[in-house]
Protein backbone atom coordinates (compact mmCIF):
# COMPACT_ATOMS: atom_id res chain seq x y z
CA GLU A 1 156.97 -29.58 150.16
CA LEU A 2 156.45 -28.37 146.12
CA VAL A 3 153.18 -26.88 147.03
CA ALA A 4 154.24 -24.98 150.37
CA SER A 5 157.37 -23.61 148.85
CA ASN A 6 155.69 -22.48 145.44
CA CYS A 7 151.93 -21.52 146.40
CA THR A 8 151.49 -20.51 149.72
CA ALA A 9 153.38 -17.20 149.55
CA CYS A 10 150.00 -16.02 148.04
CA HIS A 11 147.49 -18.93 148.32
CA SER A 12 145.86 -19.82 151.72
CA ILE A 13 145.00 -23.46 151.55
CA LYS A 14 142.58 -23.98 154.63
CA ALA A 15 142.05 -27.79 153.94
CA ALA A 16 145.84 -28.60 154.68
CA GLY A 17 146.38 -26.28 157.17
CA PHE A 18 148.03 -23.42 155.37
CA PRO A 19 145.92 -20.19 156.65
CA PRO A 20 145.90 -16.75 154.44
CA ILE A 21 149.09 -14.39 154.67
CA MET A 22 147.02 -11.55 154.35
CA ASP A 23 143.58 -10.17 154.59
CA ASN A 24 141.49 -10.06 151.32
CA ALA A 25 142.05 -6.00 150.96
CA SER A 26 145.48 -6.43 151.42
CA ALA A 27 145.82 -9.42 149.24
CA ALA A 28 143.79 -7.45 146.69
CA ALA A 29 146.09 -4.54 147.09
CA SER A 30 149.11 -6.21 146.21
CA TYR A 31 147.84 -8.35 143.46
CA GLY A 32 144.85 -6.65 142.24
CA VAL A 33 142.60 -9.51 142.96
CA VAL A 34 142.24 -11.77 145.54
CA PRO A 35 144.38 -14.97 145.14
CA PRO A 36 141.98 -18.19 145.51
CA ASP A 37 142.03 -20.67 148.19
CA LEU A 38 143.45 -23.94 146.74
CA SER A 39 141.45 -26.20 148.95
CA SER A 40 138.78 -27.04 146.19
CA VAL A 41 140.66 -26.16 143.00
CA GLY A 42 140.90 -30.07 142.80
CA TYR A 43 137.33 -30.50 142.80
CA LEU A 44 136.24 -27.54 140.43
CA TYR A 45 138.94 -27.74 137.69
CA ASP A 46 140.25 -30.28 135.22
CA GLU A 47 143.56 -31.52 135.71
CA ASN A 48 144.79 -30.57 132.48
CA PHE A 49 143.61 -26.97 132.90
CA LEU A 50 145.07 -26.98 136.31
CA ALA A 51 148.43 -27.73 134.84
CA ALA A 52 148.33 -25.57 132.25
CA PHE A 53 147.64 -22.72 134.43
CA ILE A 54 150.50 -23.58 136.60
CA LYS A 55 152.81 -23.45 133.46
CA ASN A 56 151.43 -20.17 132.23
CA PRO A 57 148.35 -18.86 134.02
CA ALA A 58 147.91 -15.85 131.17
CA LYS A 59 147.76 -18.59 128.28
CA ALA A 60 145.49 -20.94 130.31
CA ALA A 61 142.98 -18.04 131.45
CA LEU A 62 142.75 -16.90 127.59
CA VAL A 63 143.84 -13.67 128.87
CA ALA A 64 147.32 -13.29 127.42
CA HIS A 65 146.10 -10.09 125.45
CA LYS A 66 145.77 -8.39 128.49
CA PHE A 67 149.56 -8.93 129.99
CA VAL A 68 151.41 -6.94 127.27
CA ASP A 69 153.83 -3.88 127.28
CA GLY A 70 155.30 -5.04 130.78
CA ARG A 71 152.03 -5.71 132.45
CA VAL A 72 152.52 -9.47 133.99
CA HIS A 73 149.93 -11.82 135.37
CA PRO A 74 149.90 -11.62 139.01
CA MET A 75 150.55 -15.24 139.15
CA PRO A 76 154.09 -16.10 137.57
CA SER A 77 154.26 -18.77 135.03
CA TYR A 78 156.14 -22.14 136.41
CA ASN A 79 156.94 -22.98 132.82
CA TRP A 80 160.56 -24.11 134.48
CA MET A 81 159.21 -26.80 136.40
CA GLN A 82 159.46 -30.28 135.54
CA PRO A 83 156.10 -31.93 134.06
CA GLN A 84 156.57 -34.19 137.16
CA GLU A 85 156.64 -31.44 139.58
CA ILE A 86 153.58 -29.93 138.02
CA ALA A 87 151.51 -33.09 137.72
CA ASP A 88 152.79 -33.73 141.69
CA ILE A 89 150.83 -30.33 142.78
CA VAL A 90 148.40 -31.08 140.54
CA ALA A 91 147.78 -34.35 142.32
CA TYR A 92 148.11 -33.02 145.96
CA LEU A 93 145.53 -30.31 145.04
CA LYS A 94 142.95 -33.55 143.95
CA SER A 95 143.97 -35.04 147.16
CA ILE A 96 143.16 -32.35 149.51
CA ALA A 97 139.81 -31.36 147.77
CA PRO A 98 136.20 -32.08 148.99
CA HIS A 99 134.35 -34.87 147.41
CA GLU A 100 131.18 -32.84 147.41
CA MET A 101 130.53 -28.93 147.41
CA SER A 102 127.04 -27.18 147.43
CA ASP A 103 126.31 -24.80 144.43
CA LYS A 104 126.66 -22.14 146.55
CA GLU A 105 130.05 -23.09 147.30
CA VAL A 106 130.87 -23.71 144.09
CA PHE A 107 130.00 -20.07 143.12
CA ALA A 108 131.95 -18.78 145.84
CA ASP A 109 134.63 -20.31 144.91
CA ALA A 110 134.86 -20.17 141.30
CA CYS A 111 133.27 -16.53 140.79
CA GLN A 112 133.17 -14.45 143.86
CA ARG A 113 136.58 -13.13 143.84
CA CYS A 114 135.40 -10.68 141.14
CA HIS A 115 131.64 -11.25 141.23
CA GLY A 116 129.04 -10.52 143.66
CA ALA A 117 125.91 -12.19 143.76
CA LYS A 118 123.79 -9.56 146.15
CA TYR A 119 120.36 -11.67 145.68
CA GLY A 120 121.99 -14.61 147.19
CA ASP A 121 121.59 -13.18 150.85
CA PHE A 122 119.77 -10.18 150.12
CA ARG A 123 120.06 -7.49 153.09
CA PHE A 124 117.16 -5.27 153.79
CA ASP A 125 119.34 -3.38 156.30
CA GLY A 126 121.81 -2.08 154.10
CA SER A 127 124.62 -4.13 155.26
CA LYS A 128 127.24 -5.64 153.09
CA SER A 129 125.82 -9.16 151.71
CA SER A 130 128.15 -12.12 152.15
CA MET A 131 127.98 -12.82 148.69
CA SER A 132 129.77 -9.44 147.72
CA ALA A 133 132.51 -9.81 145.72
CA LYS A 134 136.05 -10.55 148.05
CA THR A 135 137.92 -7.94 146.00
CA PRO A 136 137.40 -4.53 146.72
CA ASP A 137 135.78 -2.52 143.72
CA GLU A 138 138.62 0.00 143.35
CA ASN A 139 141.46 -2.73 142.99
CA ILE A 140 139.29 -5.12 140.95
CA LYS A 141 138.42 -1.93 138.27
CA THR A 142 142.45 -1.34 138.20
CA TYR A 143 142.73 -5.02 137.44
CA MET A 144 139.86 -5.53 135.18
CA GLY A 145 139.62 -2.05 133.61
CA THR A 146 135.94 -2.26 135.02
CA ILE A 147 134.04 -3.54 137.78
CA PRO A 148 132.59 -6.96 137.01
CA PRO A 149 128.85 -7.03 137.15
CA ASP A 150 126.86 -8.65 140.23
CA LEU A 151 125.67 -11.73 138.69
CA SER A 152 122.27 -12.02 140.50
CA GLN A 153 120.07 -11.57 137.54
CA MET A 154 122.41 -12.67 134.89
CA ILE A 155 120.22 -16.11 134.28
CA ARG A 156 117.45 -13.68 133.32
CA SER A 157 119.08 -11.53 131.08
CA ARG A 158 121.61 -13.48 129.39
CA GLY A 159 120.24 -17.11 129.82
CA HIS A 160 121.76 -20.82 130.35
CA GLU A 161 123.37 -21.27 127.04
CA TYR A 162 125.19 -17.88 126.94
CA LEU A 163 126.36 -18.57 130.57
CA GLU A 164 127.50 -21.86 129.49
CA GLU A 165 129.98 -20.73 126.73
CA PHE A 166 130.94 -17.76 128.68
CA ILE A 167 131.99 -19.62 131.71
CA ASN A 168 134.81 -21.01 129.61
CA GLU A 169 135.18 -18.74 126.46
CA PRO A 170 134.43 -15.37 127.65
CA GLY A 171 136.31 -13.92 124.32
CA LYS A 172 133.52 -15.79 121.68
CA HIS A 173 130.96 -13.24 123.41
CA LEU A 174 132.67 -10.29 124.39
CA LYS A 175 136.44 -9.91 122.15
CA GLY A 176 139.17 -8.79 124.31
CA THR A 177 137.50 -9.35 127.39
CA ALA A 178 139.61 -8.85 130.58
CA MET A 179 137.53 -11.89 132.30
CA PRO A 180 139.59 -15.43 132.44
CA ARG A 181 138.25 -18.45 131.00
CA VAL A 182 137.10 -20.01 134.57
CA GLY A 183 138.19 -23.62 133.40
CA LEU A 184 135.48 -25.31 135.29
CA LYS A 185 134.89 -28.98 134.92
CA LYS A 186 131.56 -30.19 133.67
CA GLU A 187 129.75 -30.59 136.91
CA PRO A 188 130.95 -27.66 138.85
CA GLN A 189 129.76 -25.59 135.59
CA GLU A 190 126.33 -26.79 136.22
CA GLN A 191 126.48 -26.14 139.70
CA VAL A 192 127.31 -22.42 139.11
CA ILE A 193 124.43 -22.02 136.68
CA ALA A 194 122.05 -23.67 139.17
CA TYR A 195 123.05 -21.25 141.47
CA LEU A 196 122.41 -18.36 139.61
CA GLU A 197 119.23 -19.76 138.49
CA LYS A 198 118.00 -20.42 142.00
CA ILE A 199 118.95 -16.85 143.19
CA GLY A 200 117.98 -15.31 139.97
CA ASP A 201 114.46 -16.74 139.62
CA SER A 202 113.71 -16.46 143.34
């Protein structure tokens, strides 16, 4: 009930039978970026990060510097909730999460709302890759200030160590960046990098 009343107006949760209210283009136009489906967040993210994100998303994602002068994060802070309510939401999200995911699925859920990976299924006929970013360019450019790069060759241009740091501390390498801390647990983070290695060195 907590999740249904507080989360599903913006987020789909396909694993629990909550379909998206809008298509990706409409959602991106409304929020600036496509809100994630919450089915896998219990697998991807540490419970402390999830709790902190629910309480104050801009602070947890290390992008509070971006939301000043009247700009607000598209997800409101739930710092008015009781700690037990936030813990219950996190427990529910963990309970519906899959026990395992492929590297590609982790990349899609953790990164693909903003970043594409066109070499994930390279198309020679000019049609759009299924690994294109889910948020349209015009919306993500307004939201982030720039179009996030395609990550197909990022493993070759930046390397393994850089990506490990960048995923959870982007500001360490790009001061003032609009890219949020992703907040992945160790295994999903390794899966993202493994996927980038697979497509980048194919």
